[in-house]
């Protein structure tokens, strides 16, 4: 596996983690109504979206030839 391939797997894992943790925090907020849970939930969902955007544009950002 190339370094770029490993990087894609690592970023994909980070996306799954951030999305899962964001959803978990929103569920915790729904049950307890603590503001920090709401903030963390949205922050991690935004981070998941940003990482997904980065993964989508990775080939162009690194100036790699299209596969």
PDB file of N, CA and C in Angstrom:
ATOM      1  N   UNK A   1       0.855  -1.175   0.000  1.00  0.00           N
ATOM      2  CA  UNK A   1       0.000   0.000   0.000  1.00  0.00           C
ATOM      3  C   UNK A   1       0.901   1.238   0.000  1.00  0.00           C
ATOM      4  N   UNK A   2       0.568   2.182  -0.832  1.00  0.00           N
ATOM      5  CA  UNK A   2       1.360   3.401  -0.908  1.00  0.00           C
ATOM      6  C   UNK A   2       1.045   4.318   0.271  1.00  0.00           C
ATOM      7  N   UNK A   3       1.875   5.299   0.439  1.00  0.00           N
ATOM      8  CA  UNK A   3       1.674   6.262   1.517  1.00  0.00           C
ATOM      9  C   UNK A   3       0.385   7.062   1.311  1.00  0.00           C
ATOM     10  N   UNK A   4       0.072   7.398   0.078  1.00  0.00           N
ATOM     11  CA  UNK A   4      -1.163   8.124  -0.222  1.00  0.00           C
ATOM     12  C   UNK A   4      -2.373   7.242   0.084  1.00  0.00           C
ATOM     13  N   UNK A   5      -2.294   5.961  -0.257  1.00  0.00           N
ATOM     14  CA  UNK A   5      -3.385   5.042   0.057  1.00  0.00           C
ATOM     15  C   UNK A   5      -3.598   4.919   1.551  1.00  0.00           C
ATOM     16  N   UNK A   6      -2.503   4.818   2.302  1.00  0.00           N
ATOM     17  CA  UNK A   6      -2.616   4.751   3.759  1.00  0.00           C
ATOM     18  C   UNK A   6      -3.215   6.039   4.311  1.00  0.00           C
ATOM     19  N   UNK A   7      -2.829   7.167   3.746  1.00  0.00           N
ATOM     20  CA  UNK A   7      -3.361   8.459   4.186  1.00  0.00           C
ATOM     21  C   UNK A   7      -4.871   8.512   3.957  1.00  0.00           C
ATOM     22  N   UNK A   8      -5.325   7.998   2.832  1.00  0.00           N
ATOM     23  CA  UNK A   8      -6.763   7.973   2.547  1.00  0.00           C
ATOM     24  C   UNK A   8      -7.511   7.105   3.552  1.00  0.00           C
ATOM     25  N   UNK A   9      -6.947   5.961   3.905  1.00  0.00           N
ATOM     26  CA  UNK A   9      -7.570   5.092   4.898  1.00  0.00           C
ATOM     27  C   UNK A   9      -7.610   5.787   6.256  1.00  0.00           C
ATOM     28  N   UNK A  10      -6.525   6.438   6.617  1.00  0.00           N
ATOM     29  CA  UNK A  10      -6.458   7.137   7.897  1.00  0.00           C
ATOM     30  C   UNK A  10      -7.478   8.279   7.967  1.00  0.00           C
ATOM     31  N   UNK A  11      -7.603   9.057   6.910  1.00  0.00           N
ATOM     32  CA  UNK A  11      -8.578  10.143   6.879  1.00  0.00           C
ATOM     33  C   UNK A  11      -9.996   9.579   6.891  1.00  0.00           C
ATOM     34  N   UNK A  12     -10.226   8.480   6.184  1.00  0.00           N
ATOM     35  CA  UNK A  12     -11.544   7.840   6.212  1.00  0.00           C
ATOM     36  C   UNK A  12     -11.918   7.383   7.611  1.00  0.00           C
ATOM     37  N   UNK A  13     -10.951   6.843   8.341  1.00  0.00           N
ATOM     38  CA  UNK A  13     -11.190   6.437   9.724  1.00  0.00           C
ATOM     39  C   UNK A  13     -11.511   7.649  10.597  1.00  0.00           C
ATOM     40  N   UNK A  14     -10.816   8.744  10.375  1.00  0.00           N
ATOM     41  CA  UNK A  14     -11.071   9.966  11.139  1.00  0.00           C
ATOM     42  C   UNK A  14     -12.473  10.508  10.856  1.00  0.00           C
ATOM     43  N   UNK A  15     -12.928  10.404   9.619  1.00  0.00           N
ATOM     44  CA  UNK A  15     -14.276  10.847   9.253  1.00  0.00           C
ATOM     45  C   UNK A  15     -15.320  10.029  10.007  1.00  0.00           C
ATOM     46  N   UNK A  16     -15.143   8.707  10.008  1.00  0.00           N
ATOM     47  CA  UNK A  16     -16.096   7.830  10.701  1.00  0.00           C
ATOM     48  C   UNK A  16     -16.101   8.137  12.196  1.00  0.00           C
ATOM     49  N   UNK A  17     -14.920   8.322  12.791  1.00  0.00           N
ATOM     50  CA  UNK A  17     -14.845   8.633  14.211  1.00  0.00           C
ATOM     51  C   UNK A  17     -15.539   9.953  14.525  1.00  0.00           C
ATOM     52  N   UNK A  18     -15.219  11.003  13.778  1.00  0.00           N
ATOM     53  CA  UNK A  18     -15.803  12.324  14.046  1.00  0.00           C
ATOM     54  C   UNK A  18     -17.321  12.304  13.877  1.00  0.00           C
ATOM     55  N   UNK A  19     -17.799  11.660  12.833  1.00  0.00           N
ATOM     56  CA  UNK A  19     -19.243  11.592  12.620  1.00  0.00           C
ATOM     57  C   UNK A  19     -19.921  10.800  13.734  1.00  0.00           C
ATOM     58  N   UNK A  20     -19.342   9.683  14.109  1.00  0.00           N
ATOM     59  CA  UNK A  20     -19.915   8.869  15.177  1.00  0.00           C
ATOM     60  C   UNK A  20     -19.918   9.578  16.516  1.00  0.00           C
ATOM     61  N   UNK A  21     -18.809  10.237  16.836  1.00  0.00           N
ATOM     62  CA  UNK A  21     -18.736  10.945  18.105  1.00  0.00           C
ATOM     63  C   UNK A  21     -19.676  12.150  18.114  1.00  0.00           C
ATOM     64  N   UNK A  22     -19.794  12.830  16.970  1.00  0.00           N
ATOM     65  CA  UNK A  22     -20.714  13.954  16.877  1.00  0.00           C
ATOM     66  C   UNK A  22     -22.152  13.530  17.102  1.00  0.00           C
ATOM     67  N   UNK A  23     -22.552  12.424  16.492  1.00  0.00           N
ATOM     68  CA  UNK A  23     -23.912  11.916  16.682  1.00  0.00           C
ATOM     69  C   UNK A  23     -24.112  11.488  18.131  1.00  0.00           C
ATOM     70  N   UNK A  24     -23.116  10.831  18.717  1.00  0.00           N
ATOM     71  CA  UNK A  24     -23.213  10.408  20.115  1.00  0.00           C
ATOM     72  C   UNK A  24     -23.400  11.610  21.033  1.00  0.00           C
ATOM     73  N   UNK A  25     -22.654  12.668  20.804  1.00  0.00           N
ATOM     74  CA  UNK A  25     -22.779  13.863  21.642  1.00  0.00           C
ATOM     75  C   UNK A  25     -24.149  14.519  21.481  1.00  0.00           C
ATOM     76  N   UNK A  26     -24.695  14.497  20.285  1.00  0.00           N
ATOM     77  CA  UNK A  26     -26.040  15.056  20.093  1.00  0.00           C
ATOM     78  C   UNK A  26     -27.092  14.224  20.813  1.00  0.00           C
ATOM     79  N   UNK A  27     -26.904  12.907  20.838  1.00  0.00           N
ATOM     80  CA  UNK A  27     -27.827  12.050  21.594  1.00  0.00           C
ATOM     81  C   UNK A  27     -27.705  12.329  23.083  1.00  0.00           C
ATOM     82  N   UNK A  28     -26.473  12.500  23.570  1.00  0.00           N
ATOM     83  CA  UNK A  28     -26.261  12.830  24.985  1.00  0.00           C
ATOM     84  C   UNK A  28     -26.899  14.179  25.302  1.00  0.00           C
ATOM     85  N   UNK A  29     -26.758  15.149  24.392  1.00  0.00           N
ATOM     86  CA  UNK A  29     -27.377  16.461  24.604  1.00  0.00           C
ATOM     87  C   UNK A  29     -28.899  16.320  24.665  1.00  0.00           C
ATOM     88  N   UNK A  30     -29.459  15.491  23.784  1.00  0.00           N
ATOM     89  CA  UNK A  30     -30.908  15.320  23.743  1.00  0.00           C
ATOM     90  C   UNK A  30     -31.431  14.792  25.079  1.00  0.00           C
ATOM     91  N   UNK A  31     -30.653  13.933  25.723  1.00  0.00           N
ATOM     92  CA  UNK A  31     -31.073  13.356  27.001  1.00  0.00           C
ATOM     93  C   UNK A  31     -30.793  14.265  28.188  1.00  0.00           C
ATOM     94  N   UNK A  32     -29.712  15.063  28.148  1.00  0.00           N
ATOM     95  CA  UNK A  32     -29.325  15.840  29.313  1.00  0.00           C
ATOM     96  C   UNK A  32     -29.394  17.344  29.151  1.00  0.00           C
ATOM     97  N   UNK A  33     -29.437  17.825  27.925  1.00  0.00           N
ATOM     98  CA  UNK A  33     -29.535  19.256  27.613  1.00  0.00           C
ATOM     99  C   UNK A  33     -28.352  20.082  28.139  1.00  0.00           C
ATOM    100  N   UNK A  34     -27.155  19.501  28.184  1.00  0.00           N
ATOM    101  CA  UNK A  34     -25.960  20.261  28.547  1.00  0.00           C
ATOM    102  C   UNK A  34     -25.424  20.943  27.283  1.00  0.00           C
ATOM    103  N   UNK A  35     -25.132  22.217  27.394  1.00  0.00           N
ATOM    104  CA  UNK A  35     -24.706  23.001  26.233  1.00  0.00           C
ATOM    105  C   UNK A  35     -23.412  22.466  25.626  1.00  0.00           C
ATOM    106  N   UNK A  36     -22.489  22.004  26.451  1.00  0.00           N
ATOM    107  CA  UNK A  36     -21.210  21.515  25.929  1.00  0.00           C
ATOM    108  C   UNK A  36     -21.415  20.319  25.006  1.00  0.00           C
ATOM    109  N   UNK A  37     -22.400  19.479  25.292  1.00  0.00           N
ATOM    110  CA  UNK A  37     -22.676  18.333  24.430  1.00  0.00           C
ATOM    111  C   UNK A  37     -23.172  18.787  23.061  1.00  0.00           C
ATOM    112  N   UNK A  38     -23.989  19.804  23.028  1.00  0.00           N
ATOM    113  CA  UNK A  38     -24.480  20.345  21.760  1.00  0.00           C
ATOM    114  C   UNK A  38     -23.330  20.942  20.955  1.00  0.00           C
ATOM    115  N   UNK A  39     -22.481  21.705  21.613  1.00  0.00           N
ATOM    116  CA  UNK A  39     -21.338  22.336  20.935  1.00  0.00           C
ATOM    117  C   UNK A  39     -20.390  21.271  20.390  1.00  0.00           C
ATOM    118  N   UNK A  40     -20.063  20.275  21.221  1.00  0.00           N
ATOM    119  CA  UNK A  40     -19.170  19.209  20.768  1.00  0.00           C
ATOM    120  C   UNK A  40     -19.784  18.417  19.626  1.00  0.00           C
ATOM    121  N   UNK A  41     -21.077  18.148  19.706  1.00  0.00           N
ATOM    122  CA  UNK A  41     -21.739  17.401  18.642  1.00  0.00           C
ATOM    123  C   UNK A  41     -21.630  18.096  17.302  1.00  0.00           C
ATOM    124  N   UNK A  42     -21.961  19.379  17.277  1.00  0.00           N
ATOM    125  CA  UNK A  42     -21.876  20.119  16.018  1.00  0.00           C
ATOM    126  C   UNK A  42     -20.438  20.313  15.572  1.00  0.00           C
ATOM    127  N   UNK A  43     -19.519  20.536  16.499  1.00  0.00           N
ATOM    128  CA  UNK A  43     -18.113  20.721  16.138  1.00  0.00           C
ATOM    129  C   UNK A  43     -17.544  19.468  15.471  1.00  0.00           C
ATOM    130  N   UNK A  44     -17.863  18.302  16.015  1.00  0.00           N
ATOM    131  CA  UNK A  44     -17.345  17.079  15.420  1.00  0.00           C
ATOM    132  C   UNK A  44     -18.026  16.746  14.100  1.00  0.00           C
ATOM    133  N   UNK A  45     -19.282  17.103  13.940  1.00  0.00           N
ATOM    134  CA  UNK A  45     -19.935  16.900  12.646  1.00  0.00           C
ATOM    135  C   UNK A  45     -19.350  17.834  11.590  1.00  0.00           C
ATOM    136  N   UNK A  46     -19.013  19.055  11.977  1.00  0.00           N
ATOM    137  CA  UNK A  46     -18.348  19.976  11.058  1.00  0.00           C
ATOM    138  C   UNK A  46     -16.960  19.455  10.696  1.00  0.00           C
ATOM    139  N   UNK A  47     -16.244  18.923  11.697  1.00  0.00           N
ATOM    140  CA  UNK A  47     -14.919  18.355  11.434  1.00  0.00           C
ATOM    141  C   UNK A  47     -15.019  17.171  10.472  1.00  0.00           C
ATOM    142  N   UNK A  48     -16.043  16.339  10.630  1.00  0.00           N
ATOM    143  CA  UNK A  48     -16.239  15.210   9.715  1.00  0.00           C
ATOM    144  C   UNK A  48     -16.497  15.711   8.296  1.00  0.00           C
ATOM    145  N   UNK A  49     -17.297  16.758   8.174  1.00  0.00           N
ATOM    146  CA  UNK A  49     -17.549  17.337   6.855  1.00  0.00           C
ATOM    147  C   UNK A  49     -16.298  17.931   6.225  1.00  0.00           C
ATOM    148  N   UNK A  50     -15.498  18.604   7.035  1.00  0.00           N
ATOM    149  CA  UNK A  50     -14.258  19.192   6.530  1.00  0.00           C
ATOM    150  C   UNK A  50     -13.280  18.101   6.087  1.00  0.00           C
ATOM    151  N   UNK A  51     -13.173  17.036   6.854  1.00  0.00           N
ATOM    152  CA  UNK A  51     -12.297  15.925   6.474  1.00  0.00           C
ATOM    153  C   UNK A  51     -12.809  15.226   5.216  1.00  0.00           C
ATOM    154  N   UNK A  52     -14.111  15.092   5.084  1.00  0.00           N
ATOM    155  CA  UNK A  52     -14.671  14.481   3.878  1.00  0.00           C
ATOM    156  C   UNK A  52     -14.374  15.340   2.646  1.00  0.00           C
ATOM    157  N   UNK A  53     -14.468  16.638   2.801  1.00  0.00           N
ATOM    158  CA  UNK A  53     -14.133  17.553   1.713  1.00  0.00           C
ATOM    159  C   UNK A  53     -12.650  17.442   1.361  1.00  0.00           C
ATOM    160  N   UNK A  54     -11.793  17.362   2.368  1.00  0.00           N
ATOM    161  CA  UNK A  54     -10.359  17.204   2.144  1.00  0.00           C
ATOM    162  C   UNK A  54     -10.069  15.899   1.409  1.00  0.00           C
ATOM    163  N   UNK A  55     -10.700  14.815   1.836  1.00  0.00           N
ATOM    164  CA  UNK A  55     -10.475  13.526   1.185  1.00  0.00           C
ATOM    165  C   UNK A  55     -10.944  13.557  -0.267  1.00  0.00           C
ATOM    166  N   UNK A  56     -12.047  14.237  -0.510  1.00  0.00           N
ATOM    167  CA  UNK A  56     -12.574  14.346  -1.870  1.00  0.00           C
ATOM    168  C   UNK A  56     -11.616  15.113  -2.784  1.00  0.00           C
ATOM    169  N   UNK A  57     -10.947  16.122  -2.254  1.00  0.00           N
ATOM    170  CA  UNK A  57     -10.079  16.974  -3.070  1.00  0.00           C
ATOM    171  C   UNK A  57      -8.593  16.623  -2.921  1.00  0.00           C
ATOM    172  N   UNK A  58      -8.272  15.501  -2.292  1.00  0.00           N
ATOM    173  CA  UNK A  58      -6.885  15.155  -2.009  1.00  0.00           C
ATOM    174  C   UNK A  58      -6.035  15.026  -3.263  1.00  0.00           C
ATOM    175  N   UNK A  59      -6.541  14.396  -4.296  1.00  0.00           N
ATOM    176  CA  UNK A  59      -5.768  14.205  -5.525  1.00  0.00           C
ATOM    177  C   UNK A  59      -5.383  15.543  -6.141  1.00  0.00           C
ATOM    178  N   UNK A  60      -6.317  16.470  -6.170  1.00  0.00           N
ATOM    179  CA  UNK A  60      -6.035  17.775  -6.740  1.00  0.00           C
ATOM    180  C   UNK A  60      -5.079  18.575  -5.871  1.00  0.00           C
ATOM    181  N   UNK A  61      -5.229  18.471  -4.546  1.00  0.00           N
ATOM    182  CA  UNK A  61      -4.360  19.214  -3.634  1.00  0.00           C
ATOM    183  C   UNK A  61      -2.918  18.761  -3.725  1.00  0.00           C
ATOM    184  N   UNK A  62      -2.704  17.486  -3.963  1.00  0.00           N
ATOM    185  CA  UNK A  62      -1.335  16.952  -4.057  1.00  0.00           C
ATOM    186  C   UNK A  62      -0.788  16.964  -5.479  1.00  0.00           C
ATOM    187  N   UNK A  63      -1.568  17.474  -6.413  1.00  0.00           N
ATOM    188  CA  UNK A  63      -1.177  17.527  -7.834  1.00  0.00           C
ATOM    189  C   UNK A  63      -0.817  16.150  -8.371  1.00  0.00           C
ATOM    190  N   UNK A  64      -1.619  15.150  -8.016  1.00  0.00           N
ATOM    191  CA  UNK A  64      -1.409  13.797  -8.525  1.00  0.00           C
ATOM    192  C   UNK A  64      -2.176  13.613  -9.813  1.00  0.00           C
ATOM    193  N   UNK A  65      -1.656  12.748 -10.693  1.00  0.00           N
ATOM    194  CA  UNK A  65      -2.434  12.477 -11.924  1.00  0.00           C
ATOM    195  C   UNK A  65      -3.717  11.723 -11.583  1.00  0.00           C
ATOM    196  N   UNK A  66      -4.747  11.964 -12.358  1.00  0.00           N
ATOM    197  CA  UNK A  66      -6.033  11.291 -12.139  1.00  0.00           C
ATOM    198  C   UNK A  66      -5.858   9.798 -12.408  1.00  0.00           C
ATOM    199  N   UNK A  67      -6.534   8.977 -11.605  1.00  0.00           N
ATOM    200  CA  UNK A  67      -6.419   7.518 -11.776  1.00  0.00           C
ATOM    201  C   UNK A  67      -7.512   6.992 -12.669  1.00  0.00           C
TER     202      UNK A  67
END
